[in-house]
């Protein structure tokens, strides 16, 4: 289906008659705001993704694992309370 200039002009006139000039302007503004908001959200998502990947690289490159006291390594645990039951 090939649209030429006359067909597009007829479609535009019909849409203008149905919605009116003021409503079309409002629809265009709302659509423009939506597209800008979507682009902004996509850019912020890319920035968050790159920042989080940089943070994970930083966390992985930090020092060694946590060290536990000797009694925890041998398998014996210190009593949890001072009372004997």
PDB file of N, CA and C in Angstrom:
ATOM      1  N   UNK A   1       0.851  -1.167   0.000  1.00  0.00           N
ATOM      2  CA  UNK A   1       0.000   0.000   0.000  1.00  0.00           C
ATOM      3  C   UNK A   1       0.892   1.224   0.000  1.00  0.00           C
ATOM      4  N   UNK A   2       0.790   2.020  -1.018  1.00  0.00           N
ATOM      5  CA  UNK A   2       1.652   3.176  -1.202  1.00  0.00           C
ATOM      6  C   UNK A   2       0.896   4.454  -0.865  1.00  0.00           C
ATOM      7  N   UNK A   3       1.448   5.239   0.098  1.00  0.00           N
ATOM      8  CA  UNK A   3       0.832   6.511   0.451  1.00  0.00           C
ATOM      9  C   UNK A   3       1.534   7.621  -0.306  1.00  0.00           C
ATOM     10  N   UNK A   4       0.772   8.366  -1.067  1.00  0.00           N
ATOM     11  CA  UNK A   4       1.342   9.534  -1.727  1.00  0.00           C
ATOM     12  C   UNK A   4       0.922  10.784  -0.961  1.00  0.00           C
ATOM     13  N   UNK A   5       1.300  11.933  -1.438  1.00  0.00           N
ATOM     14  CA  UNK A   5       1.045  13.199  -0.748  1.00  0.00           C
ATOM     15  C   UNK A   5      -0.449  13.460  -0.590  1.00  0.00           C
ATOM     16  N   UNK A   6      -1.242  13.170  -1.611  1.00  0.00           N
ATOM     17  CA  UNK A   6      -2.690  13.427  -1.553  1.00  0.00           C
ATOM     18  C   UNK A   6      -3.356  12.572  -0.483  1.00  0.00           C
ATOM     19  N   UNK A   7      -2.970  11.321  -0.385  1.00  0.00           N
ATOM     20  CA  UNK A   7      -3.551  10.425   0.618  1.00  0.00           C
ATOM     21  C   UNK A   7      -3.225  10.908   2.024  1.00  0.00           C
ATOM     22  N   UNK A   8      -1.977  11.281   2.262  1.00  0.00           N
ATOM     23  CA  UNK A   8      -1.587  11.788   3.584  1.00  0.00           C
ATOM     24  C   UNK A   8      -2.315  13.082   3.920  1.00  0.00           C
ATOM     25  N   UNK A   9      -2.531  13.939   2.932  1.00  0.00           N
ATOM     26  CA  UNK A   9      -3.243  15.197   3.140  1.00  0.00           C
ATOM     27  C   UNK A   9      -4.696  14.926   3.519  1.00  0.00           C
ATOM     28  N   UNK A  10      -5.331  13.982   2.863  1.00  0.00           N
ATOM     29  CA  UNK A  10      -6.717  13.632   3.185  1.00  0.00           C
ATOM     30  C   UNK A  10      -6.801  13.064   4.603  1.00  0.00           C
ATOM     31  N   UNK A  11      -5.872  12.207   4.970  1.00  0.00           N
ATOM     32  CA  UNK A  11      -5.856  11.642   6.323  1.00  0.00           C
ATOM     33  C   UNK A  11      -5.681  12.750   7.358  1.00  0.00           C
ATOM     34  N   UNK A  12      -4.785  13.686   7.095  1.00  0.00           N
ATOM     35  CA  UNK A  12      -4.559  14.798   8.017  1.00  0.00           C
ATOM     36  C   UNK A  12      -5.805  15.658   8.167  1.00  0.00           C
ATOM     37  N   UNK A  13      -6.515  15.940   7.083  1.00  0.00           N
ATOM     38  CA  UNK A  13      -7.730  16.754   7.143  1.00  0.00           C
ATOM     39  C   UNK A  13      -8.813  16.027   7.938  1.00  0.00           C
ATOM     40  N   UNK A  14      -8.971  14.735   7.732  1.00  0.00           N
ATOM     41  CA  UNK A  14      -9.973  13.962   8.468  1.00  0.00           C
ATOM     42  C   UNK A  14      -9.647  13.956   9.955  1.00  0.00           C
ATOM     43  N   UNK A  15      -8.393  13.744  10.300  1.00  0.00           N
ATOM     44  CA  UNK A  15      -7.988  13.751  11.708  1.00  0.00           C
ATOM     45  C   UNK A  15      -8.205  15.127  12.319  1.00  0.00           C
ATOM     46  N   UNK A  16      -7.915  16.177  11.573  1.00  0.00           N
ATOM     47  CA  UNK A  16      -8.131  17.543  12.050  1.00  0.00           C
ATOM     48  C   UNK A  16      -9.610  17.811  12.285  1.00  0.00           C
ATOM     49  N   UNK A  17     -10.474  17.323  11.413  1.00  0.00           N
ATOM     50  CA  UNK A  17     -11.916  17.508  11.594  1.00  0.00           C
ATOM     51  C   UNK A  17     -12.437  16.724  12.790  1.00  0.00           C
ATOM     52  N   UNK A  18     -11.888  15.548  13.024  1.00  0.00           N
ATOM     53  CA  UNK A  18     -12.366  14.717  14.140  1.00  0.00           C
ATOM     54  C   UNK A  18     -11.917  15.288  15.480  1.00  0.00           C
ATOM     55  N   UNK A  19     -10.638  15.602  15.623  1.00  0.00           N
ATOM     56  CA  UNK A  19     -10.103  16.023  16.918  1.00  0.00           C
ATOM     57  C   UNK A  19     -10.101  17.531  17.119  1.00  0.00           C
ATOM     58  N   UNK A  20      -9.941  18.303  16.083  1.00  0.00           N
ATOM     59  CA  UNK A  20      -9.837  19.752  16.216  1.00  0.00           C
ATOM     60  C   UNK A  20      -8.392  20.174  16.417  1.00  0.00           C
ATOM     61  N   UNK A  21      -8.113  21.436  16.116  1.00  0.00           N
ATOM     62  CA  UNK A  21      -6.739  21.941  16.179  1.00  0.00           C
ATOM     63  C   UNK A  21      -6.154  21.958  17.572  1.00  0.00           C
ATOM     64  N   UNK A  22      -6.953  22.402  18.553  1.00  0.00           N
ATOM     65  CA  UNK A  22      -6.444  22.505  19.919  1.00  0.00           C
ATOM     66  C   UNK A  22      -6.146  21.122  20.501  1.00  0.00           C
ATOM     67  N   UNK A  23      -7.019  20.174  20.245  1.00  0.00           N
ATOM     68  CA  UNK A  23      -6.811  18.818  20.767  1.00  0.00           C
ATOM     69  C   UNK A  23      -5.595  18.166  20.112  1.00  0.00           C
ATOM     70  N   UNK A  24      -5.399  18.394  18.797  1.00  0.00           N
ATOM     71  CA  UNK A  24      -4.224  17.837  18.121  1.00  0.00           C
ATOM     72  C   UNK A  24      -2.939  18.410  18.698  1.00  0.00           C
ATOM     73  N   UNK A  25      -2.952  19.712  19.010  1.00  0.00           N
ATOM     74  CA  UNK A  25      -1.770  20.339  19.601  1.00  0.00           C
ATOM     75  C   UNK A  25      -1.478  19.728  20.971  1.00  0.00           C
ATOM     76  N   UNK A  26      -2.513  19.500  21.757  1.00  0.00           N
ATOM     77  CA  UNK A  26      -2.350  18.895  23.076  1.00  0.00           C
ATOM     78  C   UNK A  26      -1.810  17.471  22.957  1.00  0.00           C
ATOM     79  N   UNK A  27      -2.355  16.719  22.013  1.00  0.00           N
ATOM     80  CA  UNK A  27      -1.884  15.347  21.798  1.00  0.00           C
ATOM     81  C   UNK A  27      -0.417  15.360  21.373  1.00  0.00           C
ATOM     82  N   UNK A  28      -0.043  16.282  20.492  1.00  0.00           N
ATOM     83  CA  UNK A  28       1.349  16.386  20.048  1.00  0.00           C
ATOM     84  C   UNK A  28       2.289  16.742  21.191  1.00  0.00           C
ATOM     85  N   UNK A  29       1.864  17.691  22.042  1.00  0.00           N
ATOM     86  CA  UNK A  29       2.688  18.065  23.196  1.00  0.00           C
ATOM     87  C   UNK A  29       2.873  16.886  24.149  1.00  0.00           C
ATOM     88  N   UNK A  30       1.769  16.196  24.430  1.00  0.00           N
ATOM     89  CA  UNK A  30       1.848  15.046  25.337  1.00  0.00           C
ATOM     90  C   UNK A  30       2.745  13.948  24.761  1.00  0.00           C
ATOM     91  N   UNK A  31       2.623  13.715  23.468  1.00  0.00           N
ATOM     92  CA  UNK A  31       3.459  12.703  22.829  1.00  0.00           C
ATOM     93  C   UNK A  31       4.932  13.109  22.877  1.00  0.00           C
ATOM     94  N   UNK A  32       5.223  14.397  22.654  1.00  0.00           N
ATOM     95  CA  UNK A  32       6.603  14.891  22.734  1.00  0.00           C
ATOM     96  C   UNK A  32       7.186  14.735  24.125  1.00  0.00           C
ATOM     97  N   UNK A  33       6.389  15.059  25.148  1.00  0.00           N
ATOM     98  CA  UNK A  33       6.853  14.898  26.534  1.00  0.00           C
ATOM     99  C   UNK A  33       7.115  13.433  26.854  1.00  0.00           C
ATOM    100  N   UNK A  34       6.253  12.558  26.358  1.00  0.00           N
ATOM    101  CA  UNK A  34       6.428  11.129  26.617  1.00  0.00           C
ATOM    102  C   UNK A  34       7.712  10.609  25.977  1.00  0.00           C
ATOM    103  N   UNK A  35       7.980  11.039  24.748  1.00  0.00           N
ATOM    104  CA  UNK A  35       9.196  10.586  24.064  1.00  0.00           C
ATOM    105  C   UNK A  35      10.431  11.109  24.779  1.00  0.00           C
ATOM    106  N   UNK A  36      10.414  12.381  25.188  1.00  0.00           N
ATOM    107  CA  UNK A  36      11.560  12.944  25.926  1.00  0.00           C
ATOM    108  C   UNK A  36      11.767  12.230  27.251  1.00  0.00           C
ATOM    109  N   UNK A  37      10.677  11.941  27.963  1.00  0.00           N
ATOM    110  CA  UNK A  37      10.790  11.213  29.230  1.00  0.00           C
ATOM    111  C   UNK A  37      11.350   9.815  29.037  1.00  0.00           C
ATOM    112  N   UNK A  38      10.938   9.159  27.962  1.00  0.00           N
ATOM    113  CA  UNK A  38      11.446   7.816  27.681  1.00  0.00           C
ATOM    114  C   UNK A  38      12.939   7.857  27.385  1.00  0.00           C
ATOM    115  N   UNK A  39      13.372   8.822  26.571  1.00  0.00           N
ATOM    116  CA  UNK A  39      14.801   8.944  26.248  1.00  0.00           C
ATOM    117  C   UNK A  39      15.614   9.245  27.504  1.00  0.00           C
ATOM    118  N   UNK A  40      15.077  10.115  28.365  1.00  0.00           N
ATOM    119  CA  UNK A  40      15.777  10.467  29.609  1.00  0.00           C
ATOM    120  C   UNK A  40      15.910   9.240  30.503  1.00  0.00           C
ATOM    121  N   UNK A  41      14.845   8.452  30.613  1.00  0.00           N
ATOM    122  CA  UNK A  41      14.887   7.250  31.440  1.00  0.00           C
ATOM    123  C   UNK A  41      15.878   6.232  30.876  1.00  0.00           C
ATOM    124  N   UNK A  42      15.934   6.110  29.563  1.00  0.00           N
ATOM    125  CA  UNK A  42      16.889   5.182  28.950  1.00  0.00           C
ATOM    126  C   UNK A  42      18.322   5.624  29.229  1.00  0.00           C
ATOM    127  N   UNK A  43      18.598   6.923  29.136  1.00  0.00           N
ATOM    128  CA  UNK A  43      19.945   7.428  29.411  1.00  0.00           C
ATOM    129  C   UNK A  43      20.314   7.229  30.874  1.00  0.00           C
ATOM    130  N   UNK A  44      19.368   7.455  31.792  1.00  0.00           N
ATOM    131  CA  UNK A  44      19.647   7.255  33.214  1.00  0.00           C
ATOM    132  C   UNK A  44      19.880   5.781  33.509  1.00  0.00           C
ATOM    133  N   UNK A  45      19.152   4.903  32.835  1.00  0.00           N
ATOM    134  CA  UNK A  45      19.348   3.464  33.019  1.00  0.00           C
ATOM    135  C   UNK A  45      20.732   3.036  32.560  1.00  0.00           C
ATOM    136  N   UNK A  46      21.205   3.603  31.448  1.00  0.00           N
ATOM    137  CA  UNK A  46      22.550   3.285  30.969  1.00  0.00           C
ATOM    138  C   UNK A  46      23.601   3.774  31.952  1.00  0.00           C
ATOM    139  N   UNK A  47      23.377   4.971  32.520  1.00  0.00           N
ATOM    140  CA  UNK A  47      24.330   5.512  33.494  1.00  0.00           C
ATOM    141  C   UNK A  47      24.361   4.652  34.744  1.00  0.00           C
ATOM    142  N   UNK A  48      23.177   4.202  35.233  1.00  0.00           N
ATOM    143  CA  UNK A  48      23.128   3.342  36.415  1.00  0.00           C
ATOM    144  C   UNK A  48      23.827   2.013  36.154  1.00  0.00           C
ATOM    145  N   UNK A  49      23.607   1.476  34.972  1.00  0.00           N
ATOM    146  CA  UNK A  49      24.217   0.190  34.633  1.00  0.00           C
ATOM    147  C   UNK A  49      25.732   0.292  34.604  1.00  0.00           C
ATOM    148  N   UNK A  50      26.254   1.346  34.018  1.00  0.00           N
ATOM    149  CA  UNK A  50      27.701   1.500  33.961  1.00  0.00           C
ATOM    150  C   UNK A  50      28.267   1.791  35.348  1.00  0.00           C
ATOM    151  N   UNK A  51      27.521   2.539  36.173  1.00  0.00           N
ATOM    152  CA  UNK A  51      27.989   2.824  37.532  1.00  0.00           C
ATOM    153  C   UNK A  51      27.977   1.555  38.376  1.00  0.00           C
ATOM    154  N   UNK A  52      26.948   0.728  38.241  1.00  0.00           N
ATOM    155  CA  UNK A  52      26.889  -0.492  39.048  1.00  0.00           C
ATOM    156  C   UNK A  52      27.963  -1.488  38.624  1.00  0.00           C
ATOM    157  N   UNK A  53      28.290  -1.545  37.340  1.00  0.00           N
ATOM    158  CA  UNK A  53      29.352  -2.452  36.918  1.00  0.00           C
ATOM    159  C   UNK A  53      30.707  -1.957  37.415  1.00  0.00           C
ATOM    160  N   UNK A  54      30.887  -0.648  37.509  1.00  0.00           N
ATOM    161  CA  UNK A  54      32.129  -0.107  38.054  1.00  0.00           C
ATOM    162  C   UNK A  54      32.227  -0.408  39.546  1.00  0.00           C
ATOM    163  N   UNK A  55      31.089  -0.337  40.263  1.00  0.00           N
ATOM    164  CA  UNK A  55      31.088  -0.643  41.687  1.00  0.00           C
ATOM    165  C   UNK A  55      31.407  -2.110  41.935  1.00  0.00           C
ATOM    166  N   UNK A  56      30.864  -3.008  41.127  1.00  0.00           N
ATOM    167  CA  UNK A  56      31.139  -4.420  41.347  1.00  0.00           C
ATOM    168  C   UNK A  56      32.591  -4.735  41.080  1.00  0.00           C
ATOM    169  N   UNK A  57      33.175  -4.089  40.104  1.00  0.00           N
ATOM    170  CA  UNK A  57      34.601  -4.297  39.870  1.00  0.00           C
ATOM    171  C   UNK A  57      35.397  -3.798  41.070  1.00  0.00           C
ATOM    172  N   UNK A  58      34.969  -2.699  41.659  1.00  0.00           N
ATOM    173  CA  UNK A  58      35.673  -2.147  42.802  1.00  0.00           C
ATOM    174  C   UNK A  58      35.530  -3.085  44.005  1.00  0.00           C
ATOM    175  N   UNK A  59      34.368  -3.622  44.232  1.00  0.00           N
ATOM    176  CA  UNK A  59      34.154  -4.516  45.364  1.00  0.00           C
ATOM    177  C   UNK A  59      34.989  -5.784  45.203  1.00  0.00           C
ATOM    178  N   UNK A  60      35.042  -6.335  44.031  1.00  0.00           N
ATOM    179  CA  UNK A  60      35.796  -7.560  43.804  1.00  0.00           C
ATOM    180  C   UNK A  60      37.295  -7.349  43.955  1.00  0.00           C
ATOM    181  N   UNK A  61      37.772  -6.153  43.701  1.00  0.00           N
ATOM    182  CA  UNK A  61      39.207  -5.926  43.765  1.00  0.00           C
ATOM    183  C   UNK A  61      39.685  -5.541  45.169  1.00  0.00           C
ATOM    184  N   UNK A  62      38.742  -5.353  46.097  1.00  0.00           N
ATOM    185  CA  UNK A  62      39.132  -4.987  47.452  1.00  0.00           C
ATOM    186  C   UNK A  62      39.716  -6.193  48.170  1.00  0.00           C
ATOM    187  N   UNK A  63      40.663  -5.968  49.052  1.00  0.00           N
ATOM    188  CA  UNK A  63      41.345  -6.903  49.937  1.00  0.00           C
ATOM    189  C   UNK A  63      40.888  -8.346  49.959  1.00  0.00           C
ATOM    190  N   UNK A  64      41.172  -9.022  51.066  1.00  0.00           N
ATOM    191  CA  UNK A  64      40.886 -10.449  51.196  1.00  0.00           C
ATOM    192  C   UNK A  64      39.558 -10.656  51.922  1.00  0.00           C
ATOM    193  N   UNK A  65      39.202 -11.913  52.106  1.00  0.00           N
ATOM    194  CA  UNK A  65      37.964 -12.257  52.797  1.00  0.00           C
ATOM    195  C   UNK A  65      38.085 -11.920  54.276  1.00  0.00           C
ATOM    196  N   UNK A  66      36.958 -11.962  54.954  1.00  0.00           N
ATOM    197  CA  UNK A  66      36.940 -11.697  56.393  1.00  0.00           C
ATOM    198  C   UNK A  66      37.662 -12.825  57.126  1.00  0.00           C
ATOM    199  N   UNK A  67      38.316 -12.462  58.199  1.00  0.00           N
ATOM    200  CA  UNK A  67      39.013 -13.464  58.998  1.00  0.00           C
ATOM    201  C   UNK A  67      38.208 -13.736  60.259  1.00  0.00           C
ATOM    202  N   UNK A  68      38.143 -15.013  60.637  1.00  0.00           N
ATOM    203  CA  UNK A  68      37.395 -15.409  61.810  1.00  0.00           C
ATOM    204  C   UNK A  68      38.364 -15.730  62.940  1.00  0.00           C
ATOM    205  N   UNK A  69      37.893 -15.605  64.188  1.00  0.00           N
ATOM    206  CA  UNK A  69      38.753 -15.966  65.326  1.00  0.00           C
ATOM    207  C   UNK A  69      39.113 -17.446  65.263  1.00  0.00           C
ATOM    208  N   UNK A  70      40.233 -17.854  65.889  1.00  0.00           N
ATOM    209  CA  UNK A  70      40.691 -19.248  65.822  1.00  0.00           C
ATOM    210  C   UNK A  70      39.653 -20.245  66.312  1.00  0.00           C
ATOM    211  N   UNK A  71      38.852 -19.904  67.334  1.00  0.00           N
ATOM    212  CA  UNK A  71      37.874 -20.877  67.835  1.00  0.00           C
ATOM    213  C   UNK A  71      36.785 -21.163  66.809  1.00  0.00           C
ATOM    214  N   UNK A  72      36.498 -20.241  65.909  1.00  0.00           N
ATOM    215  CA  UNK A  72      35.500 -20.464  64.880  1.00  0.00           C
ATOM    216  C   UNK A  72      36.054 -21.362  63.774  1.00  0.00           C
ATOM    217  N   UNK A  73      37.351 -21.287  63.519  1.00  0.00           N
ATOM    218  CA  UNK A  73      37.958 -22.102  62.474  1.00  0.00           C
ATOM    219  C   UNK A  73      38.005 -23.569  62.862  1.00  0.00           C
ATOM    220  N   UNK A  74      38.213 -23.850  64.160  1.00  0.00           N
ATOM    221  CA  UNK A  74      38.364 -25.240  64.592  1.00  0.00           C
ATOM    222  C   UNK A  74      37.028 -25.954  64.710  1.00  0.00           C
ATOM    223  N   UNK A  75      35.924 -25.232  64.647  1.00  0.00           N
ATOM    224  CA  UNK A  75      34.623 -25.871  64.710  1.00  0.00           C
ATOM    225  C   UNK A  75      33.974 -25.757  66.070  1.00  0.00           C
ATOM    226  N   UNK A  76      34.700 -25.316  67.079  1.00  0.00           N
ATOM    227  CA  UNK A  76      34.104 -25.133  68.394  1.00  0.00           C
ATOM    228  C   UNK A  76      33.547 -23.736  68.463  1.00  0.00           C
ATOM    229  N   UNK A  77      32.403 -23.619  69.085  1.00  0.00           N
ATOM    230  CA  UNK A  77      31.782 -22.306  69.188  1.00  0.00           C
ATOM    231  C   UNK A  77      31.793 -21.847  70.616  1.00  0.00           C
ATOM    232  N   UNK A  78      31.926 -20.562  70.803  1.00  0.00           N
ATOM    233  CA  UNK A  78      31.871 -19.999  72.124  1.00  0.00           C
ATOM    234  C   UNK A  78      30.422 -20.047  72.619  1.00  0.00           C
ATOM    235  N   UNK A  79      30.215 -20.183  73.947  1.00  0.00           N
ATOM    236  CA  UNK A  79      28.844 -20.203  74.453  1.00  0.00           C
ATOM    237  C   UNK A  79      28.120 -18.892  74.150  1.00  0.00           C
ATOM    238  N   UNK A  80      26.830 -19.022  73.870  1.00  0.00           N
ATOM    239  CA  UNK A  80      26.055 -17.858  73.487  1.00  0.00           C
ATOM    240  C   UNK A  80      25.627 -17.036  74.699  1.00  0.00           C
ATOM    241  N   UNK A  81      25.457 -17.666  75.838  1.00  0.00           N
ATOM    242  CA  UNK A  81      25.084 -16.923  77.032  1.00  0.00           C
ATOM    243  C   UNK A  81      25.917 -17.425  78.206  1.00  0.00           C
ATOM    244  N   UNK A  82      25.918 -16.662  79.281  1.00  0.00           N
ATOM    245  CA  UNK A  82      26.707 -17.022  80.438  1.00  0.00           C
ATOM    246  C   UNK A  82      26.033 -18.042  81.325  1.00  0.00           C
ATOM    247  N   UNK A  83      24.763 -18.399  81.069  1.00  0.00           N
ATOM    248  CA  UNK A  83      24.034 -19.336  81.922  1.00  0.00           C
ATOM    249  C   UNK A  83      24.236 -20.771  81.485  1.00  0.00           C
ATOM    250  N   UNK A  84      24.289 -21.655  82.459  1.00  0.00           N
ATOM    251  CA  UNK A  84      24.314 -23.092  82.172  1.00  0.00           C
ATOM    252  C   UNK A  84      22.902 -23.627  82.342  1.00  0.00           C
ATOM    253  N   UNK A  85      22.449 -24.408  81.427  1.00  0.00           N
ATOM    254  CA  UNK A  85      21.078 -24.916  81.505  1.00  0.00           C
ATOM    255  C   UNK A  85      21.071 -26.355  81.899  1.00  0.00           C
TER     256      UNK A  85
END
